[in-house]
């Protein structure tokens, strides 16, 4: 074997001719089994062998021979076998230059069946060889794994604890027992009645206790919501019943928030149930005692003897003195029971939509106004202000608002003239209700004053407002204000809002100027 510019050389096993590596790379020389065949000997092989070699060349993109196939059914049509793109291009050039292309005919393939049998045998042998090599490659790993498994099995069988249950079985048994106990505890209609026994039998972080805490919290929250709604509607007996049913388990930190809420509602109920203090009657001013024997200023007059009255004068004097000393009896004095009951329909009230105050407030960005049959306002900001001037007659007045807010921390406060008005924790979660503002305004005469109200809405809770009613201060109950509202009270006199053109300052008077035409005749002006 020698070397040349073309690489290493070999010799043909049939004719002994020189074969280079380049001939092998281009597919000119081939290997058949273990024999190396040169290009000349390849041309002398049977046609069936050359066909197989050309198939291999075409599959690898080498220069191969294209065969013409004759179809007996369509002899006028030329059919060709496998080929490469370079061969197709060469064939097209040959057709263009000479006008015809005559490749060799496809050789007879009589050995195809035997080749298929040989291919099947070769494939089966390759599969067996591959499986055998795989087993030989992995048998040490399989042996080690088998030995390890056998050692674990022997150790587990010889261990004294093998008779006990495994951790998985123990966990399954505990879970089944807990589930059964949970079903027993939750058979109670009221979770509060099941709480003492469950808390005494299980730990604080037990799954049963955790689930029961959720049930108790849901039940208590529902009862406190009912109590709060009853307080908002002044149904005190219903609120007391709901609070009595919501007994919160003591010494449980997971119910601290509910306990504080129940205490707050109980304080509200106690304040509403407390009797109102009776007004203190005004005591008459004490009079200075008149001395019986006044000392005269003139000593001379004091020395003169007083005239002795006769019998008639002393009788008349005694009669007058007796009449002066007679005091009126309690039956003659007027009592509170004799006073006529307060007629709500005869009290004065003024009702206006709150949307009319928005026109003069200057903060319309915080409010969403809905006009139409009913004027409504919604506060879309954490705080909003409504302000406007109005005229009221003399009397004592109180402000009522028709609206609601879902947050108990929401509040409204402001000034009504020189009087401070406010309402803390105005809580009306679902519907419009009348609620008063603390603070009374007393007017001795008809006056024009400014009303300014600020609405706070914490935690994105929205204020929904409709109307404002300024009523007689003697109206204190919501039922009375509803009765006044049904009577269609008149509207208060709002101060007109100045128009933009009215706000323009007046221009100073301009001197009048006249331009006379000198060419005009006298008497034209």
Protein backbone atom coordinates (compact mmCIF):
# COMPACT_ATOMS: atom_id res chain seq x y z
CA UNK A 1 0.00 0.00 0.00
CA UNK A 2 1.45 3.33 -1.07
CA UNK A 3 0.63 7.03 -0.76
CA UNK A 4 0.14 9.73 -3.39
CA UNK A 5 -1.42 13.15 -3.78
CA UNK A 6 -4.82 11.58 -3.75
CA UNK A 7 -4.26 9.94 -0.34
CA UNK A 8 -3.62 6.30 0.58
CA UNK A 9 -3.93 3.63 -2.12
CA UNK A 10 -5.27 0.12 -2.08
CA UNK A 11 -5.33 -2.77 -4.52
CA UNK A 12 -8.37 -4.39 -6.10
CA UNK A 13 -9.02 -7.88 -4.75
CA UNK A 14 -10.12 -9.07 -8.22
CA UNK A 15 -7.61 -7.56 -10.68
CA UNK A 16 -4.96 -6.05 -8.42
CA UNK A 17 -5.44 -2.53 -9.85
CA UNK A 18 -4.72 0.51 -7.68
CA UNK A 19 -7.68 1.99 -5.82
CA UNK A 20 -7.42 5.38 -4.04
CA UNK A 21 -9.47 6.82 -1.18
CA UNK A 22 -10.89 9.39 -3.58
CA UNK A 23 -12.33 6.58 -5.73
CA UNK A 24 -14.03 5.20 -2.65
CA UNK A 25 -15.36 8.63 -1.60
CA UNK A 26 -16.84 9.30 -5.06
CA UNK A 27 -18.41 5.85 -5.22
CA UNK A 28 -16.40 4.70 -8.22
CA UNK A 29 -14.82 1.85 -6.26
CA UNK A 30 -16.95 -0.13 -3.83
CA UNK A 31 -16.63 -2.79 -1.18
CA UNK A 32 -18.63 -5.97 -1.64
CA UNK A 33 -18.46 -7.82 1.64
CA UNK A 34 -14.77 -7.75 2.56
CA UNK A 35 -13.53 -7.43 -1.03
CA UNK A 36 -12.43 -4.12 -2.58
CA UNK A 37 -13.56 -3.76 -6.22
CA UNK A 38 -12.02 -1.14 -8.55
CA UNK A 39 -14.09 0.96 -10.99
CA UNK A 40 -13.19 -1.30 -13.93
CA UNK A 41 -14.31 -4.43 -12.15
CA UNK A 42 -17.51 -2.68 -11.05
CA UNK A 43 -18.47 -2.23 -14.69
CA UNK A 44 -18.07 -5.98 -15.20
CA UNK A 45 -20.40 -6.94 -12.39
CA UNK A 46 -23.86 -8.33 -13.18
CA UNK A 47 -26.54 -5.82 -13.97
CA UNK A 48 -28.43 -6.56 -10.76
CA UNK A 49 -25.29 -5.81 -8.70
CA UNK A 50 -24.65 -2.61 -10.64
CA UNK A 51 -28.26 -1.58 -9.97
CA UNK A 52 -27.74 -1.96 -6.21
CA UNK A 53 -24.49 -0.01 -6.38
CA UNK A 54 -26.17 2.84 -8.30
CA UNK A 55 -29.01 2.92 -5.78
CA UNK A 56 -26.46 3.35 -3.00
CA UNK A 57 -24.65 6.06 -4.99
CA UNK A 58 -27.88 7.98 -5.62
CA UNK A 59 -28.91 7.80 -1.97
CA UNK A 60 -25.55 9.29 -0.94
CA UNK A 61 -25.68 12.03 -3.59
CA UNK A 62 -22.88 10.58 -5.72
CA UNK A 63 -22.69 10.33 -9.45
CA UNK A 64 -24.87 7.39 -10.42
CA UNK A 65 -26.37 5.85 -13.52
CA UNK A 66 -29.95 6.62 -14.51
CA UNK A 67 -31.88 3.74 -16.08
CA UNK A 68 -34.74 3.87 -18.55
CA UNK A 69 -37.77 1.76 -17.73
CA UNK A 70 -39.99 0.35 -20.45
CA UNK A 71 -43.72 0.20 -19.72
CA UNK A 72 -45.47 -2.31 -21.93
CA UNK A 73 -48.84 -0.66 -21.41
CA UNK A 74 -47.53 2.79 -22.41
CA UNK A 75 -44.54 2.28 -24.69
CA UNK A 76 -44.66 5.82 -26.04
CA UNK A 77 -43.88 7.32 -22.59
CA UNK A 78 -40.32 7.38 -21.26
CA UNK A 79 -39.89 6.40 -17.59
CA UNK A 80 -36.67 6.71 -15.63
CA UNK A 81 -35.43 5.34 -12.33
CA UNK A 82 -33.72 7.07 -9.43
CA UNK A 83 -31.33 9.89 -10.17
CA UNK A 84 -29.66 12.91 -8.61
CA UNK A 85 -30.10 16.59 -9.31
CA UNK A 86 -26.76 16.75 -11.12
CA UNK A 87 -27.81 13.87 -13.40
CA UNK A 88 -31.13 15.55 -14.14
CA UNK A 89 -29.33 18.77 -15.06
CA UNK A 90 -26.91 16.84 -17.29
CA UNK A 91 -29.80 15.04 -18.97
CA UNK A 92 -31.56 18.33 -19.70
CA UNK A 93 -28.39 19.74 -21.29
CA UNK A 94 -28.07 16.59 -23.40
CA UNK A 95 -31.68 16.92 -24.55
CA UNK A 96 -31.11 20.56 -25.38
CA UNK A 97 -27.91 19.88 -27.37
CA UNK A 98 -28.73 16.64 -29.18
CA UNK A 99 -32.47 16.45 -28.83
CA UNK A 100 -32.45 12.90 -27.48
CA UNK A 101 -31.45 11.08 -24.33
CA UNK A 102 -31.02 7.31 -24.30
CA UNK A 103 -29.91 5.96 -20.88
CA UNK A 104 -29.36 2.22 -20.46
CA UNK A 105 -32.31 -0.03 -19.85
CA UNK A 106 -33.10 -1.25 -16.38
CA UNK A 107 -31.35 -4.62 -15.95
CA UNK A 108 -33.23 -7.80 -15.18
CA UNK A 109 -33.88 -8.19 -11.45
CA UNK A 110 -34.32 -11.93 -11.16
CA UNK A 111 -32.41 -12.15 -7.86
CA UNK A 112 -34.65 -9.73 -6.05
CA UNK A 113 -36.39 -12.49 -4.07
CA UNK A 114 -33.14 -14.03 -2.92
CA UNK A 115 -31.84 -10.62 -1.98
CA UNK A 116 -34.89 -10.02 0.16
CA UNK A 117 -34.34 -13.31 1.97
CA UNK A 118 -30.72 -12.47 2.53
CA UNK A 119 -31.72 -9.03 3.82
CA UNK A 120 -34.15 -10.58 6.32
CA UNK A 121 -31.49 -12.95 7.58
CA UNK A 122 -28.99 -10.11 7.91
CA UNK A 123 -31.54 -7.98 9.80
CA UNK A 124 -32.36 -10.83 12.21
CA UNK A 125 -28.68 -11.43 12.84
CA UNK A 126 -28.13 -7.71 13.47
CA UNK A 127 -30.99 -7.64 15.99
CA UNK A 128 -29.63 -10.63 17.87
CA UNK A 129 -26.17 -9.16 17.89
CA UNK A 130 -27.51 -5.84 19.21
CA UNK A 131 -29.49 -7.50 22.02
CA UNK A 132 -26.51 -9.61 22.98
CA UNK A 133 -24.23 -6.57 23.11
CA UNK A 134 -26.77 -4.69 25.23
CA UNK A 135 -26.99 -7.53 27.70
CA UNK A 136 -23.25 -7.80 27.89
CA UNK A 137 -22.99 -4.06 28.48
CA UNK A 138 -25.57 -3.80 31.29
CA UNK A 139 -25.25 -7.12 33.08
CA UNK A 140 -22.88 -5.76 35.80
CA UNK A 141 -25.37 -3.05 36.70
CA UNK A 142 -28.21 -5.56 36.78
CA UNK A 143 -26.18 -7.86 38.99
CA UNK A 144 -25.39 -5.10 41.49
CA UNK A 145 -29.04 -3.99 41.61
CA UNK A 146 -30.21 -7.54 42.20
CA UNK A 147 -27.75 -8.05 45.01
CA UNK A 148 -28.82 -4.80 46.65
CA UNK A 149 -32.49 -5.71 46.40
CA UNK A 150 -31.79 -9.13 47.86
CA UNK A 151 -29.91 -7.58 50.81
CA UNK A 152 -32.76 -5.15 51.56
CA UNK A 153 -35.27 -7.99 51.46
CA UNK A 154 -33.21 -10.11 53.84
CA UNK A 155 -32.74 -7.19 56.23
CA UNK A 156 -36.46 -6.36 56.28
CA UNK A 157 -37.41 -9.97 56.93
CA UNK A 158 -34.92 -10.29 59.77
CA UNK A 159 -35.81 -6.96 61.47
CA UNK A 160 -37.89 -7.25 64.70
CA UNK A 161 -39.97 -4.20 63.75
CA UNK A 162 -41.18 -5.80 60.53
CA UNK A 163 -44.37 -6.89 62.26
CA UNK A 164 -45.39 -3.27 62.97
CA UNK A 165 -47.29 -1.15 60.45
CA UNK A 166 -45.45 1.08 58.03
CA UNK A 167 -45.58 4.91 58.22
CA UNK A 168 -47.90 5.01 55.21
CA UNK A 169 -50.32 2.57 56.83
CA UNK A 170 -50.17 4.48 60.10
CA UNK A 171 -50.92 7.79 58.33
CA UNK A 172 -53.86 6.21 56.50
CA UNK A 173 -55.24 4.80 59.75
CA UNK A 174 -54.98 8.18 61.53
CA UNK A 175 -56.60 9.98 58.59
CA UNK A 176 -59.50 7.53 58.56
CA UNK A 177 -60.02 7.92 62.31
CA UNK A 178 -59.90 11.72 62.05
CA UNK A 179 -62.41 11.71 59.22
CA UNK A 180 -64.76 9.47 61.19
CA UNK A 181 -64.46 11.69 64.28
CA UNK A 182 -65.03 14.76 62.14
CA UNK A 183 -68.28 13.32 60.83
CA UNK A 184 -69.37 12.59 64.40
CA UNK A 185 -68.56 16.12 65.59
CA UNK A 186 -70.16 17.83 62.61
CA UNK A 187 -73.43 15.97 63.12
CA UNK A 188 -74.38 18.80 65.49
CA UNK A 189 -76.64 21.34 63.83
CA UNK A 190 -74.88 24.21 65.61
CA UNK A 191 -71.05 24.22 65.35
CA UNK A 192 -70.88 26.20 68.60
CA UNK A 193 -72.24 23.24 70.56
CA UNK A 194 -69.59 20.94 69.08
CA UNK A 195 -66.74 23.36 69.78
CA UNK A 196 -66.13 22.64 73.54
CA UNK A 197 -65.86 18.84 73.08
CA UNK A 198 -63.68 19.13 69.97
CA UNK A 199 -61.38 21.71 71.57
CA UNK A 200 -60.93 19.55 74.67
CA UNK A 201 -60.23 16.35 72.70
CA UNK A 202 -57.90 17.66 69.97
CA UNK A 203 -54.92 19.97 69.64
CA UNK A 204 -55.25 23.53 68.34
CA UNK A 205 -53.66 22.68 64.96
CA UNK A 206 -55.61 19.47 64.45
CA UNK A 207 -57.40 19.30 61.06
CA UNK A 208 -60.71 18.77 62.84
CA UNK A 209 -60.27 21.91 64.95
CA UNK A 210 -59.18 23.96 61.92
CA UNK A 211 -62.27 22.95 59.96
CA UNK A 212 -64.53 23.51 62.96
CA UNK A 213 -63.04 27.01 63.42
CA UNK A 214 -64.11 27.87 59.88
CA UNK A 215 -67.65 26.58 60.57
CA UNK A 216 -67.92 28.53 63.85
CA UNK A 217 -66.56 31.71 62.24
CA UNK A 218 -69.10 31.50 59.43
CA UNK A 219 -71.98 30.96 61.88
CA UNK A 220 -70.91 33.83 64.16
CA UNK A 221 -70.39 36.21 61.25
CA UNK A 222 -73.91 35.49 59.99
CA UNK A 223 -75.44 36.12 63.43
CA UNK A 224 -73.49 39.37 63.91
CA UNK A 225 -74.61 40.56 60.46
CA UNK A 226 -78.23 39.94 61.47
CA UNK A 227 -77.71 41.86 64.72
CA UNK A 228 -76.13 44.80 62.88
CA UNK A 229 -78.98 44.97 60.37
CA UNK A 230 -81.48 44.89 63.24
CA UNK A 231 -79.67 47.79 64.95
CA UNK A 232 -79.66 49.81 61.73
CA UNK A 233 -83.44 49.35 61.46
CA UNK A 234 -83.93 50.04 65.23
CA UNK A 235 -85.32 46.51 65.82
CA UNK A 236 -83.84 46.24 69.30
CA UNK A 237 -85.48 42.98 70.36
CA UNK A 238 -84.32 41.19 67.22
CA UNK A 239 -80.82 42.60 67.70
CA UNK A 240 -80.75 41.39 71.33
CA UNK A 241 -81.81 37.88 70.25
CA UNK A 242 -79.09 37.71 67.59
CA UNK A 243 -76.43 38.89 70.05
CA UNK A 244 -77.54 36.33 72.66
CA UNK A 245 -77.18 33.54 70.11
CA UNK A 246 -73.68 34.67 69.08
CA UNK A 247 -71.84 33.59 72.22
CA UNK A 248 -68.17 33.59 71.18
CA UNK A 249 -65.94 30.89 72.75
CA UNK A 250 -63.59 32.49 75.31
CA UNK A 251 -59.79 32.20 75.38
CA UNK A 252 -59.57 31.59 71.63
CA UNK A 253 -57.35 34.12 69.80
CA UNK A 254 -58.75 33.10 66.41
CA UNK A 255 -62.09 34.70 67.39
CA UNK A 256 -60.62 38.00 68.66
CA UNK A 257 -61.96 40.06 65.74
CA UNK A 258 -65.46 38.65 66.11
CA UNK A 259 -65.36 39.26 69.86
CA UNK A 260 -64.50 42.95 69.36
CA UNK A 261 -67.28 43.33 66.81
CA UNK A 262 -69.82 41.75 69.18
CA UNK A 263 -68.75 44.09 72.01
CA UNK A 264 -69.20 47.09 69.71
CA UNK A 265 -72.71 45.98 68.71
CA UNK A 266 -73.60 45.33 72.36
CA UNK A 267 -72.52 48.87 73.27
CA UNK A 268 -74.70 50.28 70.48
CA UNK A 269 -77.66 48.24 71.69
CA UNK A 270 -77.15 49.35 75.30
CA UNK A 271 -77.00 52.98 74.21
CA UNK A 272 -80.24 52.64 72.23
CA UNK A 273 -82.04 50.84 75.07
CA UNK A 274 -81.06 53.42 77.69
CA UNK A 275 -83.96 55.77 78.58
CA UNK A 276 -83.60 59.34 77.51
CA UNK A 277 -83.00 61.79 80.36
CA UNK A 278 -85.96 64.00 81.23
CA UNK A 279 -85.44 67.71 80.71
CA UNK A 280 -84.66 69.60 83.91
CA UNK A 281 -87.47 71.99 84.85
CA UNK A 282 -86.45 75.60 85.16
CA UNK A 283 -86.50 76.77 88.80
CA UNK A 284 -87.96 80.24 89.45
CA UNK A 285 -85.45 82.85 90.44
CA UNK A 286 -85.40 83.46 94.23
CA UNK A 287 -86.87 86.78 95.36
CA UNK A 288 -85.30 88.99 97.94
CA UNK A 289 -87.21 88.88 101.27
CA UNK A 290 -88.99 92.13 102.21
CA UNK A 291 -88.13 93.26 105.75
CA UNK A 292 -91.16 93.58 108.05
CA UNK A 293 -89.89 96.65 109.89
CA UNK A 294 -87.90 98.78 107.47
CA UNK A 295 -85.71 101.37 109.06
CA UNK A 296 -86.80 104.87 107.98
CA UNK A 297 -84.19 107.16 106.63
CA UNK A 298 -85.54 110.27 108.41
CA UNK A 299 -85.28 109.97 112.20
CA UNK A 300 -87.94 112.61 112.64
CA UNK A 301 -90.46 110.58 110.78
CA UNK A 302 -89.60 107.51 112.84
CA UNK A 303 -90.45 109.31 116.07
CA UNK A 304 -93.99 110.18 114.96
CA UNK A 305 -96.56 107.67 116.29
CA UNK A 306 -98.49 105.69 113.74
CA UNK A 307 -102.25 106.16 113.66
CA UNK A 308 -104.22 103.34 115.21
CA UNK A 309 -106.48 101.66 112.63
CA UNK A 310 -110.11 101.18 113.40
CA UNK A 311 -111.97 97.85 113.25
CA UNK A 312 -113.06 98.18 109.61
CA UNK A 313 -109.58 99.01 108.42
CA UNK A 314 -108.02 96.09 110.30
CA UNK A 315 -110.66 93.66 108.91
CA UNK A 316 -110.01 94.80 105.34
CA UNK A 317 -106.27 94.60 105.88
CA UNK A 318 -106.52 91.08 107.25
CA UNK A 319 -108.66 90.06 104.27
CA UNK A 320 -106.14 91.47 101.76
CA UNK A 321 -103.28 89.80 103.59
CA UNK A 322 -105.06 86.45 103.55
CA UNK A 323 -105.68 86.75 99.82
CA UNK A 324 -102.01 87.54 99.22
CA UNK A 325 -100.87 84.60 101.31
CA UNK A 326 -103.08 82.06 99.46
CA UNK A 327 -100.86 79.99 97.12
CA UNK A 328 -102.14 78.25 93.98
CA UNK A 329 -102.86 74.56 94.48
CA UNK A 330 -101.03 71.88 92.42
CA UNK A 331 -104.26 71.12 90.63
CA UNK A 332 -104.37 74.70 89.31
CA UNK A 333 -100.80 74.48 87.90
CA UNK A 334 -100.42 73.17 84.28
CA UNK A 335 -98.80 69.70 83.98
CA UNK A 336 -96.94 67.95 81.13
CA UNK A 337 -99.76 65.42 80.83
CA UNK A 338 -102.23 68.22 80.03
CA UNK A 339 -100.11 69.38 77.09
CA UNK A 340 -101.40 68.15 73.71
CA UNK A 341 -99.28 65.42 72.03
CA UNK A 342 -96.81 66.48 69.35
CA UNK A 343 -98.34 66.31 65.87
CA UNK A 344 -95.56 65.44 63.43
CA UNK A 345 -97.61 66.48 60.42
CA UNK A 346 -97.80 70.07 61.71
CA UNK A 347 -94.00 70.44 62.07
CA UNK A 348 -92.03 72.34 59.49
CA UNK A 349 -89.50 70.64 57.22
CA UNK A 350 -87.68 71.41 53.97
CA UNK A 351 -86.51 68.70 51.54
CA UNK A 352 -84.02 69.19 48.71
CA UNK A 353 -81.94 66.88 46.49
CA UNK A 354 -78.28 66.81 47.50
CA UNK A 355 -77.36 67.06 43.84
CA UNK A 356 -78.33 70.76 43.97
CA UNK A 357 -75.50 71.33 46.47
CA UNK A 358 -73.04 69.83 43.99
CA UNK A 359 -73.61 72.73 41.60
CA UNK A 360 -72.00 75.17 44.03
CA UNK A 361 -69.40 72.85 45.63
CA UNK A 362 -66.66 72.98 43.02
CA UNK A 363 -65.60 69.33 43.57
CA UNK A 364 -67.62 67.53 40.92
CA UNK A 365 -64.70 65.23 39.99
CA UNK A 366 -65.17 63.23 43.20
CA UNK A 367 -68.91 62.72 42.63
CA UNK A 368 -70.85 60.71 40.08
CA UNK A 369 -74.22 62.35 39.46
CA UNK A 370 -77.27 60.50 38.16
CA UNK A 371 -80.10 62.75 37.07
CA UNK A 372 -83.58 61.94 35.88
CA UNK A 373 -86.65 61.19 37.97
CA UNK A 374 -84.54 60.90 41.14
CA UNK A 375 -81.33 62.82 41.69
CA UNK A 376 -78.63 60.58 43.12
CA UNK A 377 -74.98 61.06 44.03
CA UNK A 378 -72.17 58.53 44.45
CA UNK A 379 -68.82 59.40 46.00
CA UNK A 380 -66.00 57.85 43.92
CA UNK A 381 -63.15 59.32 46.01
CA UNK A 382 -61.96 58.85 49.61
CA UNK A 383 -63.50 62.22 50.53
CA UNK A 384 -65.96 64.66 49.01
CA UNK A 385 -67.47 68.04 49.94
CA UNK A 386 -70.96 69.47 49.31
CA UNK A 387 -71.54 73.14 50.12
CA UNK A 388 -74.19 75.80 49.38
CA UNK A 389 -76.02 78.72 50.98
CA UNK A 390 -79.73 78.63 51.83
CA UNK A 391 -82.32 80.74 53.64
CA UNK A 392 -84.24 79.42 56.68
CA UNK A 393 -86.91 81.03 58.88
CA UNK A 394 -86.60 81.34 62.63
CA UNK A 395 -86.74 78.19 64.75
CA UNK A 396 -84.66 75.24 65.89
CA UNK A 397 -83.50 73.00 63.02
CA UNK A 398 -81.85 69.63 62.53
CA UNK A 399 -80.37 68.02 59.39
CA UNK A 400 -81.41 64.57 58.10
CA UNK A 401 -79.73 62.79 55.15
CA UNK A 402 -81.12 60.02 52.91
CA UNK A 403 -78.29 57.66 51.91
CA UNK A 404 -76.19 54.68 52.92
CA UNK A 405 -72.61 53.42 53.19
CA UNK A 406 -71.39 49.84 53.70
CA UNK A 407 -68.43 50.75 55.93
CA UNK A 408 -69.15 51.34 59.65
CA UNK A 409 -66.13 53.68 59.79
CA UNK A 410 -67.64 56.08 57.23
CA UNK A 411 -68.55 59.51 58.61
CA UNK A 412 -69.97 62.88 57.61
CA UNK A 413 -69.18 66.17 59.34
CA UNK A 414 -69.30 69.89 58.61
CA UNK A 415 -70.82 73.22 59.64
CA UNK A 416 -74.34 74.59 59.45
CA UNK A 417 -73.79 78.29 59.83
CA UNK A 418 -71.95 78.55 63.17
CA UNK A 419 -73.12 75.09 64.35
CA UNK A 420 -70.94 72.00 64.00
CA UNK A 421 -72.75 68.92 62.67
CA UNK A 422 -71.38 65.40 62.38
CA UNK A 423 -72.35 61.77 62.23
CA UNK A 424 -69.83 59.08 63.15
CA UNK A 425 -70.17 55.47 62.03
CA UNK A 426 -73.12 56.08 59.71
CA UNK A 427 -73.63 52.46 58.64
CA UNK A 428 -76.39 51.66 56.14
CA UNK A 429 -75.14 48.73 54.05
CA UNK A 430 -77.86 47.93 51.53
CA UNK A 431 -80.62 50.52 51.18
CA UNK A 432 -81.28 54.22 51.45
CA UNK A 433 -82.25 55.28 54.98
CA UNK A 434 -82.79 58.55 56.81
CA UNK A 435 -80.19 59.32 59.49
CA UNK A 436 -79.74 62.57 61.48
CA UNK A 437 -76.64 64.69 62.00
CA UNK A 438 -75.75 65.59 65.56
CA UNK A 439 -76.11 69.30 66.27
CA UNK A 440 -79.04 71.75 66.32
CA UNK A 441 -79.25 75.21 64.80
CA UNK A 442 -81.30 77.90 66.59
CA UNK A 443 -82.35 80.97 64.58
CA UNK A 444 -84.09 83.97 66.15
CA UNK A 445 -85.00 85.39 62.77
CA UNK A 446 -84.94 84.46 59.11
CA UNK A 447 -81.30 84.12 58.05
CA UNK A 448 -79.17 83.11 55.08
CA UNK A 449 -76.31 80.82 56.07
CA UNK A 450 -73.90 78.35 54.46
CA UNK A 451 -74.19 74.56 54.84
CA UNK A 452 -70.94 72.64 54.23
CA UNK A 453 -70.74 68.83 54.57
CA UNK A 454 -67.66 66.60 54.18
CA UNK A 455 -68.14 62.87 53.47
CA UNK A 456 -65.33 60.41 54.30
CA UNK A 457 -65.31 56.95 52.70
CA UNK A 458 -62.43 54.80 54.06
CA UNK A 459 -61.35 51.50 52.45
CA UNK A 460 -62.93 52.44 49.09
CA UNK A 461 -66.45 52.28 50.57
CA UNK A 462 -68.78 54.44 48.50
CA UNK A 463 -71.35 56.94 49.75
CA UNK A 464 -74.76 56.77 48.02
CA UNK A 465 -76.87 59.87 48.67
CA UNK A 466 -80.26 61.19 47.58
CA UNK A 467 -81.88 63.98 49.61
CA UNK A 468 -81.35 66.33 52.54
CA UNK A 469 -84.19 67.32 54.89
CA UNK A 470 -83.95 70.22 57.34
CA UNK A 471 -86.68 69.61 59.90
CA UNK A 472 -87.88 70.91 63.22
CA UNK A 473 -85.42 69.90 65.95
CA UNK A 474 -88.20 68.15 67.85
CA UNK A 475 -88.21 65.36 65.23
CA UNK A 476 -85.92 62.67 66.66
CA UNK A 477 -87.13 59.28 65.38
CA UNK A 478 -86.67 57.85 61.91
CA UNK A 479 -90.37 56.94 61.74
CA UNK A 480 -91.26 60.62 62.28
CA UNK A 481 -88.94 61.84 59.53
CA UNK A 482 -90.39 59.22 57.18
CA UNK A 483 -93.86 60.54 57.99
CA UNK A 484 -92.69 64.06 57.18
CA UNK A 485 -91.12 62.84 53.91
CA UNK A 486 -94.42 61.25 52.85
CA UNK A 487 -96.10 64.63 53.24
CA UNK A 488 -94.00 66.12 50.38
CA UNK A 489 -92.44 68.98 52.35
CA UNK A 490 -91.45 72.10 50.40
CA UNK A 491 -87.90 72.80 49.26
CA UNK A 492 -85.60 75.18 51.06
CA UNK A 493 -84.65 78.40 49.31
CA UNK A 494 -81.16 77.89 47.91
CA UNK A 495 -79.09 80.97 47.18
CA UNK A 496 -78.90 81.35 43.38
CA UNK A 497 -75.57 80.42 41.80
CA UNK A 498 -74.12 83.39 39.87
CA UNK A 499 -73.80 82.88 36.15
CA UNK A 500 -70.40 83.24 34.47
CA UNK A 501 -71.40 86.48 32.83
CA UNK A 502 -72.44 87.86 36.21
CA UNK A 503 -68.96 87.17 37.57
CA UNK A 504 -67.33 89.36 34.88
CA UNK A 505 -66.30 92.70 36.46
CA UNK A 506 -68.12 95.72 35.12
CA UNK A 507 -66.16 97.79 32.62
CA UNK A 508 -65.62 101.41 33.58
CA UNK A 509 -67.72 103.88 31.57
CA UNK A 510 -65.99 105.01 28.41
CA UNK A 511 -66.24 108.65 27.27
CA UNK A 512 -68.36 109.09 24.22
CA UNK A 513 -66.51 110.31 21.16
CA UNK A 514 -68.11 111.89 18.10
CA UNK A 515 -66.31 112.46 14.83
CA UNK A 516 -67.69 115.32 12.76
CA UNK A 517 -67.20 115.66 9.04
CA UNK A 518 -65.99 119.08 8.13
CA UNK A 519 -67.67 118.83 4.73
CA UNK A 520 -71.12 118.31 6.28
CA UNK A 521 -73.45 121.22 6.10
CA UNK A 522 -74.72 122.92 9.21
CA UNK A 523 -77.88 121.35 10.64
CA UNK A 524 -77.04 117.73 9.69
CA UNK A 525 -76.19 116.85 13.36
